[in-house]
PDB file of N, CA and C in Angstrom:
ATOM      1  N   MET A   1     156.448  74.797 125.016  1.00  0.00           N
ATOM      2  CA  MET A   1     155.386  75.591 124.415  1.00  0.00           C
ATOM      3  C   MET A   1     154.468  74.663 123.618  1.00  0.00           C
ATOM      4  N   ALA A   2     153.183  74.818 123.805  1.00  0.00           N
ATOM      5  CA  ALA A   2     152.210  73.987 123.091  1.00  0.00           C
ATOM      6  C   ALA A   2     152.285  74.267 121.596  1.00  0.00           C
ATOM      7  N   ASP A   3     152.007  73.234 120.821  1.00  0.00           N
ATOM      8  CA  ASP A   3     152.093  73.352 119.369  1.00  0.00           C
ATOM      9  C   ASP A   3     151.157  74.434 118.830  1.00  0.00           C
ATOM     10  N   THR A   4     149.925  74.503 119.360  1.00  0.00           N
ATOM     11  CA  THR A   4     148.975  75.515 118.873  1.00  0.00           C
ATOM     12  C   THR A   4     149.446  76.926 119.219  1.00  0.00           C
ATOM     13  N   GLN A   5     150.082  77.078 120.379  1.00  0.00           N
ATOM     14  CA  GLN A   5     150.610  78.396 120.762  1.00  0.00           C
ATOM     15  C   GLN A   5     151.748  78.806 119.827  1.00  0.00           C
ATOM     16  N   ARG A   6     152.609  77.859 119.489  1.00  0.00           N
ATOM     17  CA  ARG A   6     153.718  78.135 118.571  1.00  0.00           C
ATOM     18  C   ARG A   6     153.178  78.521 117.191  1.00  0.00           C
ATOM     19  N   ILE A   7     152.182  77.802 116.725  1.00  0.00           N
ATOM     20  CA  ILE A   7     151.575  78.101 115.425  1.00  0.00           C
ATOM     21  C   ILE A   7     150.950  79.501 115.454  1.00  0.00           C
ATOM     22  N   GLY A   8     150.268  79.825 116.568  1.00  0.00           N
ATOM     23  CA  GLY A   8     149.669  81.155 116.703  1.00  0.00           C
ATOM     24  C   GLY A   8     150.705  82.261 116.686  1.00  0.00           C
ATOM     25  N   GLU A   9     151.803  82.060 117.378  1.00  0.00           N
ATOM     26  CA  GLU A   9     152.871  83.069 117.390  1.00  0.00           C
ATOM     27  C   GLU A   9     153.489  83.235 116.002  1.00  0.00           C
ATOM     28  N   GLN A  10     153.659  82.121 115.288  1.00  0.00           N
ATOM     29  CA  GLN A  10     154.184  82.201 113.925  1.00  0.00           C
ATOM     30  C   GLN A  10     153.227  82.952 113.004  1.00  0.00           C
ATOM     31  N   ALA A  11     151.928  82.710 113.171  1.00  0.00           N
ATOM     32  CA  ALA A  11     150.929  83.414 112.356  1.00  0.00           C
ATOM     33  C   ALA A  11     150.957  84.910 112.655  1.00  0.00           C
ATOM     34  N   GLU A  12     151.058  85.281 113.931  1.00  0.00           N
ATOM     35  CA  GLU A  12     151.130  86.699 114.293  1.00  0.00           C
ATOM     36  C   GLU A  12     152.388  87.351 113.728  1.00  0.00           C
ATOM     37  N   GLN A  13     153.515  86.640 113.781  1.00  0.00           N
ATOM     38  CA  GLN A  13     154.754  87.194 113.235  1.00  0.00           C
ATOM     39  C   GLN A  13     154.644  87.362 111.721  1.00  0.00           C
ATOM     40  N   ARG A  14     154.045  86.401 111.062  1.00  0.00           N
ATOM     41  CA  ARG A  14     153.842  86.488 109.604  1.00  0.00           C
ATOM     42  C   ARG A  14     152.956  87.682 109.259  1.00  0.00           C
ATOM     43  N   ALA A  15     151.889  87.869 110.033  1.00  0.00           N
ATOM     44  CA  ALA A  15     150.990  89.003 109.807  1.00  0.00           C
ATOM     45  C   ALA A  15     151.725  90.316 110.043  1.00  0.00           C
ATOM     46  N   ARG A  16     152.462  90.382 111.131  1.00  0.00           N
ATOM     47  CA  ARG A  16     153.224  91.603 111.461  1.00  0.00           C
ATOM     48  C   ARG A  16     154.210  91.944 110.339  1.00  0.00           C
ATOM     49  N   ASP A  17     154.969  90.953 109.885  1.00  0.00           N
ATOM     50  CA  ASP A  17     155.942  91.185 108.802  1.00  0.00           C
ATOM     51  C   ASP A  17     155.253  91.697 107.547  1.00  0.00           C
ATOM     52  N   HIS A  18     154.111  91.094 107.214  1.00  0.00           N
ATOM     53  CA  HIS A  18     153.369  91.510 106.023  1.00  0.00           C
ATOM     54  C   HIS A  18     152.893  92.965 106.148  1.00  0.00           C
ATOM     55  N   LEU A  19     152.343  93.310 107.305  1.00  0.00           N
ATOM     56  CA  LEU A  19     151.806  94.660 107.492  1.00  0.00           C
ATOM     57  C   LEU A  19     152.915  95.708 107.522  1.00  0.00           C
ATOM     58  N   VAL A  20     154.054  95.380 108.086  1.00  0.00           N
ATOM     59  CA  VAL A  20     155.194  96.313 108.080  1.00  0.00           C
ATOM     60  C   VAL A  20     155.641  96.561 106.634  1.00  0.00           C
ATOM     61  N   LYS A  21     155.661  95.506 105.823  1.00  0.00           N
ATOM     62  CA  LYS A  21     156.010  95.664 104.401  1.00  0.00           C
ATOM     63  C   LYS A  21     155.003  96.554 103.673  1.00  0.00           C
ATOM     64  N   GLN A  22     153.760  96.580 104.177  1.00  0.00           N
ATOM     65  CA  GLN A  22     152.725  97.411 103.568  1.00  0.00           C
ATOM     66  C   GLN A  22     152.758  98.847 104.088  1.00  0.00           C
ATOM     67  N   GLY A  23     153.677  99.137 105.009  1.00  0.00           N
ATOM     68  CA  GLY A  23     153.853 100.508 105.479  1.00  0.00           C
ATOM     69  C   GLY A  23     153.314 100.811 106.863  1.00  0.00           C
ATOM     70  N   LEU A  24     152.744  99.832 107.550  1.00  0.00           N
ATOM     71  CA  LEU A  24     152.257 100.066 108.911  1.00  0.00           C
ATOM     72  C   LEU A  24     153.427 100.013 109.891  1.00  0.00           C
ATOM     73  N   GLN A  25     153.289 100.747 110.972  1.00  0.00           N
ATOM     74  CA  GLN A  25     154.320 100.799 112.003  1.00  0.00           C
ATOM     75  C   GLN A  25     153.865  99.975 113.201  1.00  0.00           C
ATOM     76  N   PHE A  26     154.709  99.045 113.629  1.00  0.00           N
ATOM     77  CA  PHE A  26     154.391  98.183 114.758  1.00  0.00           C
ATOM     78  C   PHE A  26     154.450  98.980 116.062  1.00  0.00           C
ATOM     79  N   ILE A  27     153.448  98.758 116.934  1.00  0.00           N
ATOM     80  CA  ILE A  27     153.419  99.412 118.249  1.00  0.00           C
ATOM     81  C   ILE A  27     153.471  98.375 119.368  1.00  0.00           C
ATOM     82  N   ASP A  28     152.583  97.378 119.323  1.00  0.00           N
ATOM     83  CA  ASP A  28     152.499  96.429 120.430  1.00  0.00           C
ATOM     84  C   ASP A  28     151.888  95.128 119.936  1.00  0.00           C
ATOM     85  N   ARG A  29     152.087  94.059 120.731  1.00  0.00           N
ATOM     86  CA  ARG A  29     151.481  92.770 120.398  1.00  0.00           C
ATOM     87  C   ARG A  29     150.938  92.139 121.671  1.00  0.00           C
ATOM     88  N   ASN A  30     149.888  91.344 121.501  1.00  0.00           N
ATOM     89  CA  ASN A  30     149.269  90.604 122.598  1.00  0.00           C
ATOM     90  C   ASN A  30     148.921  91.484 123.796  1.00  0.00           C
ATOM     91  N   TYR A  31     148.293  92.617 123.518  1.00  0.00           N
ATOM     92  CA  TYR A  31     147.830  93.503 124.590  1.00  0.00           C
ATOM     93  C   TYR A  31     146.660  92.827 125.293  1.00  0.00           C
ATOM     94  N   GLN A  32     146.787  92.639 126.595  1.00  0.00           N
ATOM     95  CA  GLN A  32     145.749  91.966 127.361  1.00  0.00           C
ATOM     96  C   GLN A  32     145.198  92.872 128.447  1.00  0.00           C
ATOM     97  N   CYS A  33     143.898  92.770 128.625  1.00  0.00           N
ATOM     98  CA  CYS A  33     143.220  93.435 129.730  1.00  0.00           C
ATOM     99  C   CYS A  33     142.044  92.544 130.122  1.00  0.00           C
ATOM    100  N   ARG A  34     141.264  92.988 131.069  1.00  0.00           N
ATOM    101  CA  ARG A  34     140.158  92.139 131.541  1.00  0.00           C
ATOM    102  C   ARG A  34     139.090  91.905 130.477  1.00  0.00           C
ATOM    103  N   TYR A  35     139.077  92.713 129.427  1.00  0.00           N
ATOM    104  CA  TYR A  35     138.066  92.583 128.378  1.00  0.00           C
ATOM    105  C   TYR A  35     138.465  91.613 127.273  1.00  0.00           C
ATOM    106  N   GLY A  36     139.755  91.378 127.140  1.00  0.00           N
ATOM    107  CA  GLY A  36     140.208  90.484 126.091  1.00  0.00           C
ATOM    108  C   GLY A  36     141.626  90.799 125.669  1.00  0.00           C
ATOM    109  N   GLU A  37     141.974  90.346 124.487  1.00  0.00           N
ATOM    110  CA  GLU A  37     143.324  90.508 123.967  1.00  0.00           C
ATOM    111  C   GLU A  37     143.277  91.057 122.549  1.00  0.00           C
ATOM    112  N   ILE A  38     144.265  91.883 122.240  1.00  0.00           N
ATOM    113  CA  ILE A  38     144.444  92.379 120.880  1.00  0.00           C
ATOM    114  C   ILE A  38     145.768  91.816 120.392  1.00  0.00           C
ATOM    115  N   ASP A  39     145.727  91.110 119.268  1.00  0.00           N
ATOM    116  CA  ASP A  39     146.931  90.437 118.772  1.00  0.00           C
ATOM    117  C   ASP A  39     148.022  91.430 118.383  1.00  0.00           C
ATOM    118  N   LEU A  40     147.682  92.391 117.548  1.00  0.00           N
ATOM    119  CA  LEU A  40     148.656  93.390 117.089  1.00  0.00           C
ATOM    120  C   LEU A  40     148.039  94.777 117.154  1.00  0.00           C
ATOM    121  N   ILE A  41     148.855  95.740 117.527  1.00  0.00           N
ATOM    122  CA  ILE A  41     148.458  97.145 117.464  1.00  0.00           C
ATOM    123  C   ILE A  41     149.507  97.840 116.618  1.00  0.00           C
ATOM    124  N   MET A  42     149.041  98.519 115.579  1.00  0.00           N
ATOM    125  CA  MET A  42     149.951  99.164 114.633  1.00  0.00           C
ATOM    126  C   MET A  42     149.418 100.549 114.288  1.00  0.00           C
ATOM    127  N   ARG A  43     150.232 101.308 113.622  1.00  0.00           N
ATOM    128  CA  ARG A  43     149.852 102.647 113.194  1.00  0.00           C
ATOM    129  C   ARG A  43     149.936 102.708 111.671  1.00  0.00           C
ATOM    130  N   ASP A  44     148.880 103.248 111.072  1.00  0.00           N
ATOM    131  CA  ASP A  44     148.821 103.488 109.632  1.00  0.00           C
ATOM    132  C   ASP A  44     148.630 104.987 109.459  1.00  0.00           C
ATOM    133  N   ASN A  45     149.742 105.701 109.308  1.00  0.00           N
ATOM    134  CA  ASN A  45     149.751 107.164 109.319  1.00  0.00           C
ATOM    135  C   ASN A  45     149.183 107.660 110.645  1.00  0.00           C
ATOM    136  N   ASP A  46     148.051 108.375 110.638  1.00  0.00           N
ATOM    137  CA  ASP A  46     147.464 108.891 111.875  1.00  0.00           C
ATOM    138  C   ASP A  46     146.391 107.976 112.458  1.00  0.00           C
ATOM    139  N   THR A  47     146.265 106.782 111.902  1.00  0.00           N
ATOM    140  CA  THR A  47     145.245 105.840 112.348  1.00  0.00           C
ATOM    141  C   THR A  47     145.873 104.752 113.208  1.00  0.00           C
ATOM    142  N   LEU A  48     145.299 104.534 114.370  1.00  0.00           N
ATOM    143  CA  LEU A  48     145.713 103.440 115.240  1.00  0.00           C
ATOM    144  C   LEU A  48     144.900 102.207 114.820  1.00  0.00           C
ATOM    145  N   VAL A  49     145.604 101.118 114.519  1.00  0.00           N
ATOM    146  CA  VAL A  49     144.964  99.933 113.955  1.00  0.00           C
ATOM    147  C   VAL A  49     145.063  98.770 114.942  1.00  0.00           C
ATOM    148  N   PHE A  50     143.907  98.202 115.283  1.00  0.00           N
ATOM    149  CA  PHE A  50     143.825  97.047 116.162  1.00  0.00           C
ATOM    150  C   PHE A  50     143.573  95.834 115.268  1.00  0.00           C
ATOM    151  N   ILE A  51     144.456  94.849 115.359  1.00  0.00           N
ATOM    152  CA  ILE A  51     144.447  93.748 114.387  1.00  0.00           C
ATOM    153  C   ILE A  51     144.241  92.406 115.076  1.00  0.00           C
ATOM    154  N   GLU A  52     143.258  91.668 114.579  1.00  0.00           N
ATOM    155  CA  GLU A  52     143.015  90.301 115.020  1.00  0.00           C
ATOM    156  C   GLU A  52     143.620  89.378 113.963  1.00  0.00           C
ATOM    157  N   VAL A  53     144.493  88.473 114.398  1.00  0.00           N
ATOM    158  CA  VAL A  53     145.126  87.514 113.498  1.00  0.00           C
ATOM    159  C   VAL A  53     144.457  86.165 113.717  1.00  0.00           C
ATOM    160  N   ARG A  54     143.977  85.573 112.636  1.00  0.00           N
ATOM    161  CA  ARG A  54     143.299  84.274 112.735  1.00  0.00           C
ATOM    162  C   ARG A  54     143.964  83.292 111.777  1.00  0.00           C
ATOM    163  N   TYR A  55     144.269  82.135 112.292  1.00  0.00           N
ATOM    164  CA  TYR A  55     144.874  81.077 111.483  1.00  0.00           C
ATOM    165  C   TYR A  55     143.941  79.868 111.456  1.00  0.00           C
ATOM    166  N   ARG A  56     143.749  79.313 110.299  1.00  0.00           N
ATOM    167  CA  ARG A  56     143.020  78.054 110.134  1.00  0.00           C
ATOM    168  C   ARG A  56     143.804  77.196 109.148  1.00  0.00           C
ATOM    169  N   LYS A  57     143.973  75.933 109.512  1.00  0.00           N
ATOM    170  CA  LYS A  57     144.701  75.025 108.622  1.00  0.00           C
ATOM    171  C   LYS A  57     143.947  74.867 107.304  1.00  0.00           C
ATOM    172  N   ASN A  58     142.615  74.822 107.385  1.00  0.00           N
ATOM    173  CA  ASN A  58     141.790  74.745 106.182  1.00  0.00           C
ATOM    174  C   ASN A  58     140.443  75.403 106.481  1.00  0.00           C
ATOM    175  N   ALA A  59     139.628  75.522 105.455  1.00  0.00           N
ATOM    176  CA  ALA A  59     138.345  76.223 105.587  1.00  0.00           C
ATOM    177  C   ALA A  59     137.188  75.257 105.841  1.00  0.00           C
ATOM    178  N   GLN A  60     137.481  74.052 106.292  1.00  0.00           N
ATOM    179  CA  GLN A  60     136.456  73.028 106.493  1.00  0.00           C
ATOM    180  C   GLN A  60     135.321  73.502 107.406  1.00  0.00           C
ATOM    181  N   PHE A  61     135.648  74.224 108.463  1.00  0.00           N
ATOM    182  CA  PHE A  61     134.621  74.692 109.406  1.00  0.00           C
ATOM    183  C   PHE A  61     134.431  76.210 109.298  1.00  0.00           C
ATOM    184  N   GLY A  62     134.618  76.754 108.123  1.00  0.00           N
ATOM    185  CA  GLY A  62     134.561  78.191 107.929  1.00  0.00           C
ATOM    186  C   GLY A  62     135.979  78.729 107.890  1.00  0.00           C
ATOM    187  N   GLY A  63     136.178  79.767 107.163  1.00  0.00           N
ATOM    188  CA  GLY A  63     137.517  80.322 107.031  1.00  0.00           C
ATOM    189  C   GLY A  63     137.964  81.070 108.269  1.00  0.00           C
ATOM    190  N   ALA A  64     139.203  81.501 108.241  1.00  0.00           N
ATOM    191  CA  ALA A  64     139.781  82.218 109.370  1.00  0.00           C
ATOM    192  C   ALA A  64     139.036  83.524 109.635  1.00  0.00           C
ATOM    193  N   ALA A  65     138.713  84.261 108.594  1.00  0.00           N
ATOM    194  CA  ALA A  65     138.021  85.545 108.770  1.00  0.00           C
ATOM    195  C   ALA A  65     136.625  85.349 109.345  1.00  0.00           C
ATOM    196  N   ALA A  66     135.953  84.282 108.953  1.00  0.00           N
ATOM    197  CA  ALA A  66     134.595  84.019 109.441  1.00  0.00           C
ATOM    198  C   ALA A  66     134.572  83.721 110.938  1.00  0.00           C
ATOM    199  N   SER A  67     135.724  83.356 111.497  1.00  0.00           N
ATOM    200  CA  SER A  67     135.769  83.032 112.921  1.00  0.00           C
ATOM    201  C   SER A  67     135.773  84.275 113.808  1.00  0.00           C
ATOM    202  N   VAL A  68     135.882  85.447 113.206  1.00  0.00           N
ATOM    203  CA  VAL A  68     135.810  86.694 113.983  1.00  0.00           C
ATOM    204  C   VAL A  68     134.343  87.127 113.994  1.00  0.00           C
ATOM    205  N   ASP A  69     133.572  86.451 114.837  1.00  0.00           N
ATOM    206  CA  ASP A  69     132.138  86.699 114.895  1.00  0.00           C
ATOM    207  C   ASP A  69     131.825  87.948 115.720  1.00  0.00           C
ATOM    208  N   PHE A  70     130.543  88.262 115.836  1.00  0.00           N
ATOM    209  CA  PHE A  70     130.107  89.477 116.529  1.00  0.00           C
ATOM    210  C   PHE A  70     130.617  89.522 117.965  1.00  0.00           C
ATOM    211  N   ARG A  71     130.536  88.401 118.666  1.00  0.00           N
ATOM    212  CA  ARG A  71     130.988  88.351 120.065  1.00  0.00           C
ATOM    213  C   ARG A  71     132.485  88.653 120.170  1.00  0.00           C
ATOM    214  N   LYS A  72     133.275  88.077 119.258  1.00  0.00           N
ATOM    215  CA  LYS A  72     134.723  88.323 119.251  1.00  0.00           C
ATOM    216  C   LYS A  72     134.990  89.790 118.926  1.00  0.00           C
ATOM    217  N   GLN A  73     134.257  90.334 117.981  1.00  0.00           N
ATOM    218  CA  GLN A  73     134.417  91.753 117.632  1.00  0.00           C
ATOM    219  C   GLN A  73     134.165  92.642 118.841  1.00  0.00           C
ATOM    220  N   GLN A  74     133.128  92.340 119.612  1.00  0.00           N
ATOM    221  CA  GLN A  74     132.805  93.149 120.784  1.00  0.00           C
ATOM    222  C   GLN A  74     133.913  93.091 121.835  1.00  0.00           C
ATOM    223  N   ARG A  75     134.529  91.932 122.002  1.00  0.00           N
ATOM    224  CA  ARG A  75     135.647  91.798 122.942  1.00  0.00           C
ATOM    225  C   ARG A  75     136.862  92.603 122.473  1.00  0.00           C
ATOM    226  N   ILE A  76     137.133  92.562 121.180  1.00  0.00           N
ATOM    227  CA  ILE A  76     138.257  93.326 120.629  1.00  0.00           C
ATOM    228  C   ILE A  76     138.000  94.822 120.796  1.00  0.00           C
ATOM    229  N   ILE A  77     136.788  95.255 120.520  1.00  0.00           N
ATOM    230  CA  ILE A  77     136.435  96.670 120.666  1.00  0.00           C
ATOM    231  C   ILE A  77     136.592  97.104 122.120  1.00  0.00           C
ATOM    232  N   ALA A  78     136.121  96.303 123.057  1.00  0.00           N
ATOM    233  CA  ALA A  78     136.244  96.653 124.484  1.00  0.00           C
ATOM    234  C   ALA A  78     137.714  96.730 124.896  1.00  0.00           C
ATOM    235  N   ALA A  79     138.522  95.789 124.432  1.00  0.00           N
ATOM    236  CA  ALA A  79     139.956  95.817 124.750  1.00  0.00           C
ATOM    237  C   ALA A  79     140.619  97.032 124.118  1.00  0.00           C
ATOM    238  N   ALA A  80     140.209  97.397 122.916  1.00  0.00           N
ATOM    239  CA  ALA A  80     140.766  98.577 122.243  1.00  0.00           C
ATOM    240  C   ALA A  80     140.397  99.851 122.996  1.00  0.00           C
ATOM    241  N   GLU A  81     139.169  99.944 123.464  1.00  0.00           N
ATOM    242  CA  GLU A  81     138.761 101.114 124.250  1.00  0.00           C
ATOM    243  C   GLU A  81     139.586 101.211 125.532  1.00  0.00           C
ATOM    244  N   HIS A  82     139.848 100.077 126.164  1.00  0.00           N
ATOM    245  CA  HIS A  82     140.696 100.053 127.361  1.00  0.00           C
ATOM    246  C   HIS A  82     142.104 100.534 127.023  1.00  0.00           C
ATOM    247  N   TYR A  83     142.633 100.038 125.911  1.00  0.00           N
ATOM    248  CA  TYR A  83     143.982 100.439 125.472  1.00  0.00           C
ATOM    249  C   TYR A  83     144.044 101.950 125.246  1.00  0.00           C
ATOM    250  N   ILE A  84     143.064 102.477 124.543  1.00  0.00           N
ATOM    251  CA  ILE A  84     143.030 103.915 124.228  1.00  0.00           C
ATOM    252  C   ILE A  84     142.989 104.743 125.518  1.00  0.00           C
ATOM    253  N   GLN A  85     142.213 104.305 126.490  1.00  0.00           N
ATOM    254  CA  GLN A  85     142.087 105.049 127.750  1.00  0.00           C
ATOM    255  C   GLN A  85     143.344 104.982 128.610  1.00  0.00           C
ATOM    256  N   HIS A  86     144.126 103.900 128.494  1.00  0.00           N
ATOM    257  CA  HIS A  86     145.242 103.699 129.410  1.00  0.00           C
ATOM    258  C   HIS A  86     146.628 103.867 128.796  1.00  0.00           C
ATOM    259  N   GLN A  87     146.717 104.025 127.502  1.00  0.00           N
ATOM    260  CA  GLN A  87     148.018 104.199 126.850  1.00  0.00           C
ATOM    261  C   GLN A  87     148.120 105.608 126.296  1.00  0.00           C
ATOM    262  N   ARG A  88     149.296 106.030 126.060  1.00  0.00           N
ATOM    263  CA  ARG A  88     149.518 107.384 125.552  1.00  0.00           C
ATOM    264  C   ARG A  88     149.758 107.375 124.041  1.00  0.00           C
ATOM    265  N   GLN A  89     148.842 106.776 123.320  1.00  0.00           N
ATOM    266  CA  GLN A  89     148.924 106.743 121.866  1.00  0.00           C
ATOM    267  C   GLN A  89     147.896 107.724 121.299  1.00  0.00           C
ATOM    268  N   VAL A  90     148.366 108.771 120.675  1.00  0.00           N
ATOM    269  CA  VAL A  90     147.475 109.768 120.095  1.00  0.00           C
ATOM    270  C   VAL A  90     147.214 109.392 118.635  1.00  0.00           C
ATOM    271  N   ALA A  91     145.949 109.384 118.274  1.00  0.00           N
ATOM    272  CA  ALA A  91     145.559 109.065 116.903  1.00  0.00           C
ATOM    273  C   ALA A  91     144.329 109.879 116.548  1.00  0.00           C
ATOM    274  N   THR A  92     144.194 110.192 115.262  1.00  0.00           N
ATOM    275  CA  THR A  92     143.008 110.925 114.819  1.00  0.00           C
ATOM    276  C   THR A  92     141.887 109.962 114.413  1.00  0.00           C
ATOM    277  N   ALA A  93     142.243 108.693 114.200  1.00  0.00           N
ATOM    278  CA  ALA A  93     141.243 107.700 113.811  1.00  0.00           C
ATOM    279  C   ALA A  93     141.666 106.334 114.330  1.00  0.00           C
ATOM    280  N   TYR A  94     140.697 105.430 114.386  1.00  0.00           N
ATOM    281  CA  TYR A  94     140.933 104.069 114.841  1.00  0.00           C
ATOM    282  C   TYR A  94     140.316 103.113 113.835  1.00  0.00           C
ATOM    283  N   ARG A  95     140.923 101.943 113.707  1.00  0.00           N
ATOM    284  CA  ARG A  95     140.436 100.974 112.728  1.00  0.00           C
ATOM    285  C   ARG A  95     140.638  99.564 113.271  1.00  0.00           C
ATOM    286  N   PHE A  96     139.750  98.657 112.864  1.00  0.00           N
ATOM    287  CA  PHE A  96     139.836  97.252 113.256  1.00  0.00           C
ATOM    288  C   PHE A  96     140.043  96.409 112.000  1.00  0.00           C
ATOM    289  N   ASP A  97     141.191  95.746 111.938  1.00  0.00           N
ATOM    290  CA  ASP A  97     141.533  94.906 110.797  1.00  0.00           C
ATOM    291  C   ASP A  97     141.580  93.449 111.228  1.00  0.00           C
ATOM    292  N   VAL A  98     141.466  92.568 110.249  1.00  0.00           N
ATOM    293  CA  VAL A  98     141.635  91.139 110.468  1.00  0.00           C
ATOM    294  C   VAL A  98     142.659  90.641 109.453  1.00  0.00           C
ATOM    295  N   VAL A  99     143.604  89.847 109.926  1.00  0.00           N
ATOM    296  CA  VAL A  99     144.512  89.148 109.033  1.00  0.00           C
ATOM    297  C   VAL A  99     144.154  87.669 109.148  1.00  0.00           C
ATOM    298  N   ALA A 100     143.646  87.126 108.050  1.00  0.00           N
ATOM    299  CA  ALA A 100     143.210  85.728 108.005  1.00  0.00           C
ATOM    300  C   ALA A 100     144.265  84.919 107.269  1.00  0.00           C
ATOM    301  N   ILE A 101     144.780  83.912 107.947  1.00  0.00           N
ATOM    302  CA  ILE A 101     145.838  83.085 107.379  1.00  0.00           C
ATOM    303  C   ILE A 101     145.346  81.645 107.321  1.00  0.00           C
ATOM    304  N   SER A 102     145.499  81.043 106.149  1.00  0.00           N
ATOM    305  CA  SER A 102     145.183  79.629 105.992  1.00  0.00           C
ATOM    306  C   SER A 102     146.202  79.028 105.039  1.00  0.00           C
ATOM    307  N   SER A 103     146.900  78.013 105.517  1.00  0.00           N
ATOM    308  CA  SER A 103     147.980  77.369 104.755  1.00  0.00           C
ATOM    309  C   SER A 103     148.944  78.423 104.226  1.00  0.00           C
ATOM    310  N   GLU A 104     148.987  78.602 102.915  1.00  0.00           N
ATOM    311  CA  GLU A 104     149.936  79.541 102.319  1.00  0.00           C
ATOM    312  C   GLU A 104     149.321  80.904 102.008  1.00  0.00           C
ATOM    313  N   GLN A 105     148.039  81.075 102.263  1.00  0.00           N
ATOM    314  CA  GLN A 105     147.346  82.311 101.896  1.00  0.00           C
ATOM    315  C   GLN A 105     147.220  83.248 103.088  1.00  0.00           C
ATOM    316  N   LEU A 106     147.470  84.528 102.852  1.00  0.00           N
ATOM    317  CA  LEU A 106     147.293  85.559 103.864  1.00  0.00           C
ATOM    318  C   LEU A 106     146.384  86.632 103.276  1.00  0.00           C
ATOM    319  N   ASP A 107     145.263  86.892 103.953  1.00  0.00           N
ATOM    320  CA  ASP A 107     144.324  87.929 103.519  1.00  0.00           C
ATOM    321  C   ASP A 107     144.263  89.006 104.589  1.00  0.00           C
ATOM    322  N   TRP A 108     144.561  90.226 104.196  1.00  0.00           N
ATOM    323  CA  TRP A 108     144.486  91.372 105.103  1.00  0.00           C
ATOM    324  C   TRP A 108     143.184  92.092 104.810  1.00  0.00           C
ATOM    325  N   ILE A 109     142.304  92.120 105.786  1.00  0.00           N
ATOM    326  CA  ILE A 109     141.003  92.772 105.632  1.00  0.00           C
ATOM    327  C   ILE A 109     141.036  94.050 106.466  1.00  0.00           C
ATOM    328  N   ALA A 110     141.340  95.160 105.789  1.00  0.00           N
ATOM    329  CA  ALA A 110     141.385  96.458 106.469  1.00  0.00           C
ATOM    330  C   ALA A 110     139.963  96.918 106.747  1.00  0.00           C
ATOM    331  N   ASP A 111     139.765  97.515 107.918  1.00  0.00           N
ATOM    332  CA  ASP A 111     138.454  98.031 108.298  1.00  0.00           C
ATOM    333  C   ASP A 111     137.417  96.905 108.271  1.00  0.00           C
ATOM    334  N   ALA A 112     137.758  95.777 108.867  1.00  0.00           N
ATOM    335  CA  ALA A 112     136.919  94.574 108.830  1.00  0.00           C
ATOM    336  C   ALA A 112     135.609  94.734 109.575  1.00  0.00           C
ATOM    337  N   PHE A 113     135.632  95.534 110.651  1.00  0.00           N
ATOM    338  CA  PHE A 113     134.405  95.820 111.387  1.00  0.00           C
ATOM    339  C   PHE A 113     134.565  97.168 112.061  1.00  0.00           C
ATOM    340  N   ARG A 114     133.425  97.702 112.515  1.00  0.00           N
ATOM    341  CA  ARG A 114     133.400  99.052 113.095  1.00  0.00           C
ATOM    342  C   ARG A 114     132.743  99.047 114.467  1.00  0.00           C
ATOM    343  N   LEU A 115     132.843 100.169 115.139  1.00  0.00           N
ATOM    344  CA  LEU A 115     132.232 100.311 116.463  1.00  0.00           C
ATOM    345  C   LEU A 115     130.727 100.212 116.420  1.00  0.00           C
ATOM    346  N   ASP A 116     130.110 100.693 115.360  1.00  0.00           N
ATOM    347  CA  ASP A 116     128.640 100.728 115.313  1.00  0.00           C
ATOM    348  C   ASP A 116     128.021  99.567 114.617  1.00  0.00           C
TER     349      ASP A 116
END
């Protein structure tokens, strides 16, 4: 396994553990379709949450959260729409979160971006 892939998996596991401690329920990870990939899918009460996990060793070229640009957001939204259409997950609301990890810091940005 490549070192960057291992680091990415560790970051996703760290994010998942943190969110479960905050009360979210884990549903799926690394959902892939032709539109892109969603790192984590979780449930927060009646809300289905699509989570992008970003890791940066340092903020030299912008922080982890800043790397989720408009183009990346659009890919995540398209993948989430595909997931909603093809999976049997009923929710009254949907949300897009980002978990930004750098060194020892983890920032959970709930409702980081929206469909509109």
